[in-house]
Amino acid sequence: MADTLHTPDRIAQLLVHLGRAARCETSGSDLTAAQWTCLRFFAHANRSTRTPSAFASFQATTRGTASQIVKSLERQGLVTRRPSARDGRSVCFDLSPLGQAMLERDPLGDLVGVIDILDRAERDRFLATLSRLSSALAVRRDGPAFGTCADCGHFGTSGNGAYCACMAAELAEADIVKLCASYTPTPGPASEGERDGAA
């Protein structure tokens, strides 16, 4: 019984430990943990989300710190800048061919390989649980949540394609599985229960 009471704490500690172990900097890479996180973020974010400010929100850091990390990757030729399609005053970043090649040496690959050993059903349940935890923590801290279109409250269909109500725009098929800074979790039974319990 006493052990059960400590289960949430043990899970939280294991999640933190896994995160630290997975981004271990002993892989011989010249990139820091924050630079790896930025490179992954730009690789997995949709076109409108690949900005320094969106990365700052994702990394829970200041815009100034995020900008310095992005600039360091740009100096190394790992990312390239382009004007934002939505706001000509802003810039977005894409991985360069060198950046794509660098991701093949990502130290997170070991953790990905371990997760890949799990059977499909277990992976799907684990992903759903982690997504709910991430969204619930964002709500609790009144911070931004990140997720993909398929799980977003703004997601819908329009004719034969997908549509984002937040951006009032059609979605490219490739962007549906990408991270989005405009993501809003869809309310579900678990989150409603958490709200009821917190009231």
Protein backbone atom coordinates (compact mmCIF):
# COMPACT_ATOMS: atom_id res chain seq x y z
CA MET A 1 0.00 0.00 0.00
CA ALA A 2 2.76 2.44 0.97
CA ASP A 3 4.55 1.65 -2.29
CA THR A 4 1.41 2.47 -4.30
CA LEU A 5 1.23 5.90 -2.66
CA HIS A 6 4.66 6.75 -4.05
CA THR A 7 3.98 5.55 -7.59
CA PRO A 8 3.38 9.04 -9.12
CA ASP A 9 6.64 10.27 -7.60
CA ARG A 10 8.54 7.23 -8.91
CA ILE A 11 7.08 7.71 -12.40
CA ALA A 12 8.04 11.41 -12.39
CA GLN A 13 11.59 10.59 -11.26
CA LEU A 14 11.96 7.90 -13.93
CA LEU A 15 10.74 10.28 -16.64
CA VAL A 16 13.31 12.87 -15.56
CA HIS A 17 16.04 10.22 -15.38
CA LEU A 18 15.16 8.87 -18.84
CA GLY A 19 15.29 12.38 -20.27
CA ARG A 20 18.71 13.03 -18.81
CA ALA A 21 20.09 9.63 -19.76
CA ALA A 22 18.77 9.89 -23.32
CA ARG A 23 20.40 13.25 -23.97
CA CYS A 24 23.74 12.19 -22.52
CA GLU A 25 26.49 14.32 -24.04
CA THR A 26 29.16 11.60 -23.97
CA SER A 27 28.38 10.58 -27.57
CA GLY A 28 31.32 12.54 -28.98
CA SER A 29 29.01 15.16 -30.51
CA ASP A 30 29.91 18.84 -30.65
CA LEU A 31 26.26 19.76 -29.94
CA THR A 32 24.95 20.54 -26.47
CA ALA A 33 21.74 18.99 -25.13
CA ALA A 34 19.88 22.26 -25.87
CA GLN A 35 21.19 22.34 -29.46
CA TRP A 36 20.06 18.73 -29.99
CA THR A 37 16.63 19.63 -28.64
CA CYS A 38 16.41 22.57 -31.05
CA LEU A 39 17.51 20.48 -34.01
CA ARG A 40 14.88 17.83 -33.18
CA PHE A 41 12.24 20.51 -32.68
CA PHE A 42 12.79 22.01 -36.13
CA ALA A 43 12.80 18.52 -37.63
CA HIS A 44 9.44 17.61 -36.07
CA ALA A 45 7.58 20.96 -36.11
CA ASN A 46 5.28 22.13 -38.90
CA ARG A 47 6.34 25.03 -41.14
CA SER A 48 4.64 27.79 -39.14
CA THR A 49 6.03 26.50 -35.82
CA ARG A 50 9.71 26.44 -36.79
CA THR A 51 10.44 29.83 -35.17
CA PRO A 52 12.74 30.86 -32.30
CA SER A 53 9.74 31.98 -30.21
CA ALA A 54 7.95 28.63 -30.66
CA PHE A 55 11.16 26.82 -29.73
CA ALA A 56 11.46 29.05 -26.63
CA SER A 57 7.96 27.97 -25.55
CA PHE A 58 8.71 24.32 -26.27
CA GLN A 59 12.02 24.43 -24.35
CA ALA A 60 10.47 26.54 -21.55
CA THR A 61 13.24 29.11 -21.85
CA THR A 62 13.52 32.80 -22.74
CA ARG A 63 13.33 34.03 -26.32
CA GLY A 64 16.84 35.42 -26.00
CA THR A 65 18.27 32.06 -24.96
CA ALA A 66 16.33 30.27 -27.69
CA SER A 67 17.57 32.75 -30.31
CA GLN A 68 21.18 32.15 -29.25
CA ILE A 69 20.72 28.38 -29.60
CA VAL A 70 19.17 28.79 -33.06
CA LYS A 71 21.95 31.16 -34.15
CA SER A 72 24.59 28.66 -33.01
CA LEU A 73 22.98 25.98 -35.21
CA GLU A 74 22.78 28.43 -38.10
CA ARG A 75 26.49 29.28 -37.74
CA GLN A 76 27.29 25.56 -37.98
CA GLY A 77 25.22 25.27 -41.15
CA LEU A 78 22.69 22.90 -39.54
CA VAL A 79 19.64 25.14 -40.10
CA THR A 80 18.73 27.76 -42.69
CA ARG A 81 16.42 30.74 -42.28
CA ARG A 82 13.56 31.83 -44.52
CA PRO A 83 10.91 34.56 -44.25
CA SER A 84 7.70 33.47 -42.56
CA ALA A 85 4.81 32.91 -44.95
CA ARG A 86 2.39 34.29 -42.32
CA ASP A 87 4.38 37.33 -41.18
CA GLY A 88 7.03 38.91 -43.39
CA ARG A 89 8.76 40.43 -40.33
CA SER A 90 9.40 37.00 -38.81
CA VAL A 91 11.70 34.20 -39.85
CA CYS A 92 11.35 30.42 -39.78
CA PHE A 93 14.06 27.79 -39.86
CA ASP A 94 14.50 24.54 -41.76
CA LEU A 95 17.07 21.83 -41.33
CA SER A 96 19.84 21.96 -43.92
CA PRO A 97 21.11 18.74 -45.52
CA LEU A 98 23.94 18.89 -42.97
CA GLY A 99 21.37 19.18 -40.17
CA GLN A 100 19.44 16.20 -41.50
CA ALA A 101 22.66 14.20 -41.58
CA MET A 102 23.50 15.27 -38.02
CA LEU A 103 20.14 13.90 -36.79
CA GLU A 104 21.23 10.43 -37.91
CA ARG A 105 23.78 10.58 -35.05
CA ASP A 106 21.21 11.79 -32.51
CA PRO A 107 21.99 10.39 -29.03
CA LEU A 108 18.22 10.06 -28.51
CA GLY A 109 18.36 7.21 -31.04
CA ASP A 110 19.25 4.72 -28.29
CA LEU A 111 16.03 5.51 -26.40
CA VAL A 112 14.04 5.38 -29.65
CA GLY A 113 15.47 1.92 -30.27
CA VAL A 114 14.50 0.71 -26.80
CA ILE A 115 10.95 2.05 -27.23
CA ASP A 116 10.74 0.41 -30.64
CA ILE A 117 11.16 -3.00 -28.96
CA LEU A 118 7.78 -2.54 -27.24
CA ASP A 119 4.81 -4.01 -29.09
CA ARG A 120 2.62 -1.63 -31.08
CA ALA A 121 -0.30 -1.60 -28.62
CA GLU A 122 2.00 -0.80 -25.69
CA ARG A 123 3.70 2.00 -27.64
CA ASP A 124 0.32 3.51 -28.60
CA ARG A 125 -0.91 3.42 -24.98
CA PHE A 126 2.37 4.90 -23.75
CA LEU A 127 2.22 7.72 -26.31
CA ALA A 128 -1.40 8.49 -25.41
CA THR A 129 -0.53 8.60 -21.70
CA LEU A 130 2.49 10.85 -22.19
CA SER A 131 0.47 13.18 -24.45
CA ARG A 132 -2.22 13.51 -21.77
CA LEU A 133 0.42 14.19 -19.11
CA SER A 134 2.10 16.83 -21.27
CA SER A 135 -1.21 18.61 -21.96
CA ALA A 136 -2.34 18.40 -18.31
CA LEU A 137 0.96 19.87 -17.09
CA ALA A 138 0.67 22.74 -19.60
CA VAL A 139 -2.86 23.47 -18.34
CA ARG A 140 -1.78 23.28 -14.68
CA ARG A 141 1.09 25.73 -15.30
CA ASP A 142 -0.94 27.88 -17.69
CA GLY A 143 1.71 27.31 -20.33
CA PRO A 144 1.66 26.35 -23.99
CA ALA A 145 0.96 22.77 -25.00
CA PHE A 146 2.54 21.08 -28.00
CA GLY A 147 0.99 18.25 -29.95
CA THR A 148 0.03 17.16 -33.43
CA CYS A 149 -3.00 18.08 -35.53
CA ALA A 150 -4.79 14.76 -35.15
CA ASP A 151 -5.14 15.33 -31.38
CA CYS A 152 -5.87 19.07 -31.60
CA GLY A 153 -9.15 20.85 -30.89
CA HIS A 154 -8.60 23.02 -34.00
CA PHE A 155 -8.35 20.01 -36.33
CA GLY A 156 -11.12 19.29 -38.79
CA THR A 157 -11.74 18.12 -42.31
CA SER A 158 -12.64 20.21 -45.31
CA GLY A 159 -13.70 18.42 -48.47
CA ASN A 160 -11.05 15.81 -49.13
CA GLY A 161 -8.40 17.41 -46.94
CA ALA A 162 -7.57 18.46 -43.39
CA TYR A 163 -8.23 21.92 -42.01
CA CYS A 164 -6.90 24.00 -39.09
CA ALA A 165 -9.58 26.28 -37.61
CA CYS A 166 -6.96 28.27 -35.67
CA MET A 167 -4.99 29.21 -38.78
CA ALA A 168 -8.08 29.10 -41.04
CA ALA A 169 -6.06 27.13 -43.54
CA GLU A 170 -5.89 23.78 -45.30
CA LEU A 171 -3.26 21.45 -43.87
CA ALA A 172 -0.67 19.64 -45.92
CA GLU A 173 -0.78 15.91 -45.22
CA ALA A 174 2.84 15.98 -44.06
CA ASP A 175 2.05 18.64 -41.44
CA ILE A 176 -0.71 16.62 -39.72
CA VAL A 177 1.87 14.56 -37.80
CA LYS A 178 4.13 17.55 -37.00
CA LEU A 179 4.34 19.53 -33.76
CA CYS A 180 2.33 22.74 -33.75
CA ALA A 181 2.57 25.79 -31.47
CA SER A 182 -1.15 26.50 -32.03
CA TYR A 183 -2.07 23.11 -30.58
CA THR A 184 -5.04 22.97 -28.20
CA PRO A 185 -5.71 19.62 -26.49
CA THR A 186 -9.13 18.14 -27.15
CA PRO A 187 -11.00 17.73 -23.86
CA GLY A 188 -11.46 14.11 -22.93
CA PRO A 189 -12.82 12.09 -20.03
CA ALA A 190 -9.46 12.05 -18.23
CA SER A 191 -8.94 15.81 -18.38
CA GLU A 192 -12.56 16.46 -17.36
CA GLY A 193 -12.10 14.14 -14.38
CA GLU A 194 -8.94 15.97 -13.38
CA ARG A 195 -10.81 19.28 -13.51
CA ASP A 196 -13.69 17.88 -11.44
CA GLY A 197 -11.25 16.51 -8.87
CA ALA A 198 -9.39 19.80 -8.67
CA ALA A 199 -12.55 21.83 -8.06
